[in-house]
Amino acid sequence: MILILAWRNIWRNKKRSLIIIAAIAVGLCCGLFASATMFGMWDSLINTTIDRDLGHFQIHSKSFEDEKLLTDTIPNFQNILTQLHSTNNVIGVSSRVLVEGMISSATSFGGVRIVGINPQDEKNVTTVYKQIIQGSYFGENWRNQIVIGQKLAENLGIKERSKIVLSFQGVDGSIIYGAFRVAGIFKTESSVFDKSNVFVQESDLLRLINSDPISNEIVVRLSSVQQVDSVYIPIKKQYANLSVKNWEELAPELKLFNDMLMTQMNIFVGIILFALLFGITNTMLMSVMERVREFGVLMAVGMKRSRVFIMIILETISLSFLGGIIGISMGLILIEYFKHVGINLSAFTEGLSQWSMGSRLYTSLPLNFYPSLVLMILITAILGAIYPAFKAIRLKPATAIRTY
């Protein structure tokens, strides 16, 4: 009965109620969309990092983590590859030979990470092959092909089919030089990655160092990021003598950003609701002051003050939740639209590439964010109603009836 009465009281002044409902709806809609944009940025950063180079987890020798030397290889790596290929939910495994070296052209030189790969295996793990903008991804028939980033190509003043020289320290400590021809140029979301990594075929690199097959790094790609723990943890236990790390451990700054993001989004929406709190309080206080005589009559005929208090609380909650439902619905529509269409940020491509982000941002918001949002709306409604409700129940029925 009190709930029905509270609902009817909301619409006694339709204009005022609609204004506060609209304020709550627009505030929540903007807050949700801004939160979805922030989460979309993080989601994009994670996905591009995993797709570009990281995979879902990697295996190294423990000594490789310290010095990252060519000689720090994974023992019996071929047996590990065989097991991983037969593991459930594993869709790609790639072995890499890694070495830090120098790259030089006729006009310039610089330091790079040389990555020796099997191109077919690497296609199942990363998406660099999809981001070739000139030439091909090891599609030529000559030996000593190399694929480099666009940023590095610009720094060296080279293009497709240009010749470059790689130099690095071999297994025996001697300096090795190798002439390579550019087969393809790629451009990823990260300009830092593009200017510091080059890819060569593993067979060409092993021939230069005169070595049998070796592996410094094994990268594993799963069918879904949600399956990382179910695959990664058993592998980590089985190969305790090796360094087995998932993407969160390999890029701890991304995990830290993720942990902070949910807190930031809750604080952001909380600030919006805190601002709306004053509007809700003001609206309910005006409603109470206009109905002083009514409250006096209700208490005079026997309505308990506690029921008057509850009625005002319910009015505020109903008003807030109505605005909240509309705001969340509007926010969901916007989020779903830009989740598929994306937000074009091509004007900021150069700056975004420094943060490994693409030029199109897709909004996203996890489902576990909505329960906390509903709780914040409820708390805001209750806090906004307390002062007006106390104002109403402190009225003296006789005075209220005579004065107003």
Protein backbone atom coordinates (compact mmCIF):
# COMPACT_ATOMS: atom_id res chain seq x y z
CA MET A 1 0.00 0.00 0.00
CA ILE A 2 2.81 2.43 0.93
CA LEU A 3 4.66 1.59 -2.30
CA ILE A 4 1.57 2.37 -4.42
CA LEU A 5 1.08 5.63 -2.52
CA ALA A 6 4.77 6.52 -3.00
CA TRP A 7 4.55 5.84 -6.75
CA ARG A 8 1.49 8.09 -7.09
CA ASN A 9 3.15 10.86 -5.10
CA ILE A 10 6.04 10.94 -7.62
CA TRP A 11 3.67 12.05 -10.37
CA ARG A 12 1.88 14.76 -8.44
CA ASN A 13 4.39 17.20 -9.92
CA LYS A 14 5.20 15.59 -13.26
CA LYS A 15 7.48 18.33 -14.55
CA ARG A 16 9.78 18.24 -11.51
CA SER A 17 9.88 14.45 -11.44
CA LEU A 18 10.66 14.23 -15.16
CA ILE A 19 13.50 16.73 -14.81
CA ILE A 20 15.23 14.74 -12.06
CA ILE A 21 14.59 11.45 -13.91
CA ALA A 22 16.15 12.96 -17.03
CA ALA A 23 19.13 14.23 -15.01
CA ILE A 24 19.73 10.78 -13.50
CA ALA A 25 19.28 9.05 -16.88
CA VAL A 26 21.62 11.35 -18.78
CA GLY A 27 24.24 11.27 -15.99
CA LEU A 28 24.24 7.48 -15.83
CA CYS A 29 24.23 7.13 -19.61
CA CYS A 30 27.28 9.38 -19.92
CA GLY A 31 28.99 7.64 -17.01
CA LEU A 32 28.40 4.19 -18.50
CA PHE A 33 29.59 5.23 -21.94
CA ALA A 34 32.72 6.86 -20.53
CA SER A 35 33.43 3.72 -18.46
CA ALA A 36 32.85 1.50 -21.51
CA THR A 37 35.29 3.66 -23.47
CA MET A 38 37.97 3.31 -20.78
CA PHE A 39 37.42 -0.45 -20.54
CA GLY A 40 37.43 -0.70 -24.34
CA MET A 41 40.84 1.00 -24.40
CA TRP A 42 42.20 -1.54 -21.93
CA ASP A 43 40.56 -4.44 -23.79
CA SER A 44 42.07 -3.22 -27.06
CA LEU A 45 45.49 -2.87 -25.44
CA ILE A 46 45.37 -6.42 -24.07
CA ASN A 47 44.12 -8.01 -27.29
CA THR A 48 46.61 -6.22 -29.53
CA THR A 49 49.49 -7.14 -27.21
CA ILE A 50 48.48 -10.81 -27.15
CA ASP A 51 47.85 -10.89 -30.91
CA ARG A 52 51.01 -9.03 -31.85
CA ASP A 53 53.68 -10.86 -29.88
CA LEU A 54 52.82 -12.15 -26.43
CA GLY A 55 50.42 -15.06 -26.94
CA HIS A 56 48.53 -16.34 -23.90
CA PHE A 57 51.60 -17.76 -22.19
CA GLN A 58 55.28 -18.31 -22.93
CA ILE A 59 57.99 -20.77 -21.90
CA HIS A 60 61.68 -19.89 -21.46
CA SER A 61 64.65 -21.28 -19.63
CA LYS A 62 65.07 -19.62 -16.25
CA SER A 63 68.49 -18.27 -17.22
CA PHE A 64 67.04 -16.57 -20.31
CA GLU A 65 65.01 -14.19 -18.12
CA ASP A 66 68.19 -12.71 -16.65
CA GLU A 67 70.51 -12.23 -19.62
CA LYS A 68 68.37 -13.08 -22.68
CA LEU A 69 71.34 -14.69 -24.39
CA LEU A 70 71.18 -16.87 -27.48
CA THR A 71 72.80 -19.69 -25.50
CA ASP A 72 69.97 -19.72 -22.91
CA THR A 73 67.91 -22.36 -24.69
CA ILE A 74 64.99 -24.56 -23.64
CA PRO A 75 66.16 -28.18 -23.13
CA ASN A 76 64.17 -30.86 -24.99
CA PHE A 77 61.98 -28.16 -26.51
CA GLN A 78 60.76 -30.44 -29.29
CA ASN A 79 59.13 -32.79 -26.76
CA ILE A 80 57.44 -29.79 -25.17
CA LEU A 81 56.15 -28.64 -28.56
CA THR A 82 54.72 -32.11 -29.25
CA GLN A 83 52.88 -32.16 -25.92
CA LEU A 84 51.51 -28.64 -26.35
CA HIS A 85 50.19 -29.41 -29.82
CA SER A 86 48.14 -32.25 -28.35
CA THR A 87 46.83 -30.23 -25.37
CA ASN A 88 43.15 -29.29 -25.32
CA ASN A 89 42.25 -25.66 -26.13
CA VAL A 90 45.70 -24.97 -27.64
CA ILE A 91 45.24 -23.61 -31.16
CA GLY A 92 48.80 -22.50 -31.88
CA VAL A 93 52.36 -23.10 -30.70
CA SER A 94 55.45 -21.36 -32.06
CA SER A 95 59.11 -21.84 -31.20
CA ARG A 96 61.37 -18.80 -31.53
CA VAL A 97 65.10 -18.16 -31.61
CA LEU A 98 65.79 -14.74 -30.08
CA VAL A 99 68.90 -12.63 -30.21
CA GLU A 100 69.68 -8.97 -29.66
CA GLY A 101 71.64 -7.43 -32.48
CA MET A 102 72.21 -4.54 -34.85
CA ILE A 103 70.59 -3.77 -38.17
CA SER A 104 72.24 -1.49 -40.73
CA SER A 105 71.39 -0.14 -44.15
CA ALA A 106 73.35 2.06 -46.55
CA THR A 107 72.25 5.17 -44.65
CA SER A 108 71.61 4.25 -41.02
CA PHE A 109 71.77 1.60 -38.30
CA GLY A 110 70.12 0.69 -34.99
CA GLY A 111 69.54 -1.96 -32.37
CA VAL A 112 66.83 -4.58 -32.83
CA ARG A 113 65.52 -7.84 -31.44
CA ILE A 114 65.98 -10.53 -34.09
CA VAL A 115 63.23 -13.14 -33.96
CA GLY A 116 63.82 -16.41 -35.79
CA ILE A 117 60.51 -18.13 -36.53
CA ASN A 118 58.79 -20.82 -38.52
CA PRO A 119 56.34 -18.58 -40.46
CA GLN A 120 53.56 -21.17 -40.60
CA ASP A 121 53.69 -21.85 -36.85
CA GLU A 122 53.88 -18.13 -36.10
CA LYS A 123 50.68 -17.48 -38.08
CA ASN A 124 48.79 -19.63 -35.56
CA VAL A 125 50.07 -17.54 -32.65
CA THR A 126 50.33 -13.90 -33.74
CA THR A 127 48.68 -11.64 -36.33
CA VAL A 128 51.72 -9.80 -37.69
CA TYR A 129 51.25 -11.60 -41.03
CA LYS A 130 47.86 -9.86 -41.38
CA GLN A 131 49.46 -6.44 -40.94
CA ILE A 132 51.85 -6.53 -43.90
CA ILE A 133 51.49 -3.25 -45.81
CA GLN A 134 54.25 -3.84 -48.39
CA GLY A 135 55.58 -7.06 -49.87
CA SER A 136 54.74 -10.42 -48.35
CA TYR A 137 55.14 -12.43 -45.16
CA PHE A 138 58.02 -14.70 -46.23
CA GLY A 139 56.28 -15.38 -49.52
CA GLU A 140 59.37 -15.05 -51.74
CA ASN A 141 61.56 -17.91 -52.93
CA TRP A 142 64.95 -16.50 -51.95
CA ARG A 143 67.00 -17.22 -48.84
CA ASN A 144 67.64 -14.78 -45.99
CA GLN A 145 64.29 -13.01 -46.13
CA ILE A 146 63.48 -10.48 -43.43
CA VAL A 147 60.22 -8.81 -42.38
CA ILE A 148 60.52 -5.46 -40.60
CA GLY A 149 58.25 -2.77 -39.16
CA GLN A 150 57.31 0.38 -41.04
CA LYS A 151 58.82 2.64 -38.38
CA LEU A 152 62.16 0.84 -38.61
CA ALA A 153 62.06 0.95 -42.42
CA GLU A 154 61.56 4.72 -42.27
CA ASN A 155 64.45 5.12 -39.81
CA LEU A 156 66.77 3.07 -42.01
CA GLY A 157 65.57 4.63 -45.26
CA ILE A 158 64.74 1.28 -46.86
CA LYS A 159 61.78 -0.30 -48.63
CA GLU A 160 60.65 -3.66 -49.99
CA ARG A 161 63.50 -5.70 -51.56
CA SER A 162 66.15 -3.45 -50.01
CA LYS A 163 69.25 -5.13 -48.60
CA ILE A 164 70.22 -4.83 -44.95
CA VAL A 165 72.87 -6.39 -42.73
CA LEU A 166 72.25 -8.01 -39.34
CA SER A 167 75.05 -8.41 -36.84
CA PHE A 168 74.89 -10.24 -33.52
CA GLN A 169 76.89 -12.42 -31.16
CA GLY A 170 76.88 -16.12 -32.03
CA VAL A 171 76.77 -19.15 -29.76
CA ASP A 172 80.57 -19.23 -29.51
CA GLY A 173 80.82 -15.50 -28.73
CA SER A 174 82.00 -14.43 -32.17
CA ILE A 175 80.29 -11.60 -34.07
CA ILE A 176 78.20 -12.85 -36.96
CA TYR A 177 77.14 -10.79 -39.95
CA GLY A 178 74.34 -11.73 -42.31
CA ALA A 179 72.95 -10.02 -45.40
CA PHE A 180 69.16 -10.09 -45.71
CA ARG A 181 66.66 -8.77 -48.22
CA VAL A 182 63.38 -7.16 -47.10
CA ALA A 183 60.49 -9.42 -48.11
CA GLY A 184 57.77 -7.46 -46.32
CA ILE A 185 57.04 -4.45 -44.14
CA PHE A 186 54.42 -4.59 -41.40
CA LYS A 187 52.64 -1.95 -39.38
CA THR A 188 51.08 -2.87 -36.04
CA GLU A 189 49.31 -0.75 -33.45
CA SER A 190 52.61 -0.20 -31.61
CA SER A 191 55.26 2.02 -33.18
CA VAL A 192 57.68 0.92 -30.42
CA PHE A 193 57.29 -2.73 -31.47
CA ASP A 194 57.60 -1.85 -35.16
CA LYS A 195 60.96 -0.15 -34.78
CA SER A 196 62.54 -2.66 -32.42
CA ASN A 197 61.63 -6.12 -33.84
CA VAL A 198 62.55 -7.91 -37.06
CA PHE A 199 61.50 -11.39 -38.15
CA VAL A 200 63.65 -13.87 -40.06
CA GLN A 201 63.15 -17.53 -40.83
CA GLU A 202 64.49 -19.82 -38.14
CA SER A 203 66.30 -21.96 -40.72
CA ASP A 204 68.23 -18.94 -42.04
CA LEU A 205 69.22 -17.85 -38.55
CA LEU A 206 70.37 -21.35 -37.52
CA ARG A 207 72.44 -21.62 -40.69
CA LEU A 208 74.19 -18.36 -39.87
CA ILE A 209 75.11 -19.45 -36.36
CA ASN A 210 75.91 -22.98 -37.60
CA SER A 211 73.67 -24.60 -34.99
CA ASP A 212 71.28 -27.51 -34.66
CA PRO A 213 67.61 -26.58 -33.94
CA ILE A 214 67.32 -24.61 -30.70
CA SER A 215 64.59 -22.60 -29.00
CA ASN A 216 64.78 -19.61 -26.67
CA GLU A 217 61.05 -19.06 -26.46
CA ILE A 218 57.86 -21.07 -26.93
CA VAL A 219 54.69 -19.05 -27.41
CA VAL A 220 51.27 -20.65 -26.87
CA ARG A 221 47.94 -19.39 -28.20
CA LEU A 222 44.66 -20.67 -26.75
CA SER A 223 41.14 -20.57 -28.14
CA SER A 224 40.09 -18.09 -25.43
CA VAL A 225 41.72 -15.94 -22.77
CA GLN A 226 39.29 -17.47 -20.23
CA GLN A 227 41.05 -20.83 -20.65
CA VAL A 228 44.51 -19.57 -19.71
CA ASP A 229 44.49 -20.83 -16.13
CA SER A 230 43.15 -24.30 -17.00
CA VAL A 231 46.00 -24.88 -19.48
CA TYR A 232 48.79 -22.72 -18.09
CA ILE A 233 48.76 -23.93 -14.47
CA PRO A 234 49.23 -27.69 -15.24
CA ILE A 235 52.03 -26.84 -17.73
CA LYS A 236 53.72 -24.62 -15.13
CA LYS A 237 53.62 -27.43 -12.56
CA GLN A 238 54.89 -30.01 -15.01
CA TYR A 239 57.84 -27.90 -16.14
CA ALA A 240 58.90 -26.45 -12.81
CA ASN A 241 62.51 -26.30 -14.03
CA LEU A 242 61.49 -23.79 -16.72
CA SER A 243 60.01 -20.30 -16.63
CA VAL A 244 56.32 -20.58 -17.62
CA LYS A 245 54.46 -17.28 -17.47
CA ASN A 246 51.04 -16.15 -18.65
CA TRP A 247 50.36 -12.81 -20.32
CA GLU A 248 49.63 -11.11 -17.00
CA GLU A 249 53.05 -12.08 -15.66
CA LEU A 250 54.80 -11.22 -18.92
CA ALA A 251 53.18 -7.77 -19.01
CA PRO A 252 52.53 -6.87 -15.34
CA GLU A 253 51.78 -3.26 -16.27
CA LEU A 254 48.67 -4.45 -18.13
CA LYS A 255 47.46 -6.40 -15.10
CA LEU A 256 48.06 -3.38 -12.87
CA PHE A 257 46.11 -1.22 -15.30
CA ASN A 258 43.26 -3.75 -15.24
CA ASP A 259 43.16 -3.82 -11.44
CA MET A 260 43.04 -0.04 -11.31
CA LEU A 261 40.48 0.30 -14.09
CA MET A 262 37.50 -1.20 -12.27
CA THR A 263 38.20 1.00 -9.25
CA GLN A 264 38.51 4.07 -11.47
CA MET A 265 35.23 3.31 -13.24
CA ASN A 266 33.38 2.86 -9.93
CA ILE A 267 34.86 6.13 -8.62
CA PHE A 268 33.93 7.93 -11.85
CA VAL A 269 30.30 6.78 -11.76
CA GLY A 270 30.24 7.40 -8.01
CA ILE A 271 31.22 11.04 -8.58
CA ILE A 272 28.36 11.42 -11.08
CA LEU A 273 25.87 9.91 -8.62
CA PHE A 274 27.26 12.09 -5.82
CA ALA A 275 26.56 15.16 -7.95
CA LEU A 276 23.05 13.84 -8.65
CA LEU A 277 22.58 13.27 -4.92
CA PHE A 278 22.13 16.99 -4.34
CA GLY A 279 19.54 17.21 -7.10
CA ILE A 280 17.62 14.26 -5.65
CA THR A 281 17.76 15.74 -2.16
CA ASN A 282 16.58 19.14 -3.39
CA THR A 283 13.69 17.60 -5.36
CA MET A 284 12.49 15.51 -2.42
CA LEU A 285 12.87 18.41 0.00
CA MET A 286 10.70 20.60 -2.24
CA SER A 287 8.17 17.77 -2.43
CA VAL A 288 8.09 17.48 1.36
CA MET A 289 7.73 21.24 1.92
CA GLU A 290 4.80 21.36 -0.51
CA ARG A 291 3.03 18.55 1.37
CA VAL A 292 3.50 19.66 4.97
CA ARG A 293 -0.24 19.95 5.56
CA GLU A 294 -0.77 16.50 4.02
CA PHE A 295 1.82 14.93 6.32
CA GLY A 296 0.25 16.70 9.29
CA VAL A 297 -3.18 15.27 8.44
CA LEU A 298 -1.76 11.76 7.89
CA MET A 299 -0.02 11.76 11.28
CA ALA A 300 -3.07 13.33 12.95
CA VAL A 301 -5.33 10.48 11.78
CA GLY A 302 -2.92 7.86 13.06
CA MET A 303 -0.20 7.14 10.44
CA LYS A 304 3.02 6.30 12.24
CA ARG A 305 6.01 8.50 11.64
CA SER A 306 8.04 5.43 10.61
CA ARG A 307 5.58 4.77 7.77
CA VAL A 308 5.86 8.38 6.61
CA PHE A 309 9.65 8.00 6.67
CA ILE A 310 9.48 4.76 4.66
CA MET A 311 7.06 6.32 2.17
CA ILE A 312 9.48 9.16 1.37
CA ILE A 313 12.38 6.72 1.09
CA LEU A 314 10.34 4.60 -1.34
CA GLU A 315 9.42 7.68 -3.38
CA THR A 316 13.10 8.54 -3.75
CA ILE A 317 14.12 4.98 -4.57
CA SER A 318 11.37 4.69 -7.19
CA LEU A 319 12.37 8.02 -8.73
CA SER A 320 16.06 7.08 -8.78
CA PHE A 321 15.54 3.58 -10.14
CA LEU A 322 13.25 4.83 -12.89
CA GLY A 323 15.95 7.28 -13.97
CA GLY A 324 18.56 4.56 -13.49
CA ILE A 325 16.73 2.04 -15.70
CA ILE A 326 16.33 4.62 -18.46
CA GLY A 327 19.97 5.73 -18.14
CA ILE A 328 21.33 2.16 -18.15
CA SER A 329 19.15 1.30 -21.17
CA MET A 330 20.40 4.36 -23.07
CA GLY A 331 23.98 3.53 -22.09
CA LEU A 332 23.63 -0.10 -23.23
CA ILE A 333 22.32 1.02 -26.62
CA LEU A 334 25.27 3.37 -27.10
CA ILE A 335 27.78 0.77 -25.87
CA GLU A 336 26.40 -1.96 -28.16
CA TYR A 337 26.36 0.39 -31.14
CA PHE A 338 29.97 1.50 -30.75
CA LYS A 339 30.98 -2.04 -29.80
CA HIS A 340 30.27 -3.02 -33.41
CA VAL A 341 30.88 0.26 -35.25
CA GLY A 342 33.78 1.59 -33.16
CA ILE A 343 34.96 5.13 -32.54
CA ASN A 344 37.27 6.51 -35.21
CA LEU A 345 40.43 7.89 -33.60
CA SER A 346 42.52 8.07 -36.76
CA ALA A 347 43.32 11.73 -36.04
CA PHE A 348 45.34 10.52 -33.02
CA THR A 349 46.98 7.48 -34.64
CA GLU A 350 50.55 8.65 -34.04
CA GLY A 351 50.01 9.27 -30.35
CA LEU A 352 47.97 6.09 -29.83
CA SER A 353 50.67 3.97 -31.47
CA GLN A 354 53.02 4.96 -28.64
CA TRP A 355 50.58 3.20 -26.30
CA SER A 356 50.12 0.17 -28.59
CA MET A 357 46.53 1.10 -29.39
CA GLY A 358 44.70 1.00 -32.70
CA SER A 359 43.00 3.92 -34.42
CA ARG A 360 39.50 2.50 -33.89
CA LEU A 361 38.19 2.07 -30.37
CA TYR A 362 35.43 -0.43 -29.56
CA THR A 363 33.45 0.09 -26.36
CA SER A 364 33.11 -2.74 -23.89
CA LEU A 365 31.86 -3.10 -20.32
CA PRO A 366 32.01 -6.26 -18.18
CA LEU A 367 28.74 -7.59 -16.74
CA ASN A 368 30.12 -7.55 -13.19
CA PHE A 369 30.14 -3.75 -13.32
CA TYR A 370 26.32 -3.50 -13.38
CA PRO A 371 25.54 -5.01 -9.93
CA SER A 372 27.83 -2.45 -8.28
CA LEU A 373 26.13 0.29 -10.31
CA VAL A 374 22.67 -0.79 -9.10
CA LEU A 375 23.98 -0.81 -5.52
CA MET A 376 25.39 2.72 -5.95
CA ILE A 377 22.03 3.95 -7.29
CA LEU A 378 20.24 2.43 -4.26
CA ILE A 379 22.69 4.00 -1.80
CA THR A 380 22.40 7.38 -3.56
CA ALA A 381 18.59 7.23 -3.39
CA ILE A 382 18.58 6.40 0.31
CA LEU A 383 21.12 9.10 1.16
CA GLY A 384 19.18 11.64 -0.90
CA ALA A 385 15.95 10.82 0.96
CA ILE A 386 17.20 10.82 4.56
CA TYR A 387 17.17 14.58 5.17
CA PRO A 388 13.76 15.26 3.54
CA ALA A 389 12.29 12.24 5.36
CA PHE A 390 13.59 13.45 8.74
CA LYS A 391 12.21 16.89 7.92
CA ALA A 392 8.77 15.35 7.38
CA ILE A 393 8.60 13.17 10.50
CA ARG A 394 9.75 16.01 12.78
CA LEU A 395 6.63 18.00 11.90
CA LYS A 396 4.01 18.49 14.65
CA PRO A 397 0.64 17.52 13.21
CA ALA A 398 -1.33 20.36 14.83
CA THR A 399 1.17 23.03 13.80
CA ALA A 400 1.50 21.62 10.28
CA ILE A 401 -2.28 21.63 9.71
CA ARG A 402 -2.75 25.19 10.96
CA THR A 403 0.33 26.73 9.35
CA TYR A 404 0.02 25.42 5.81
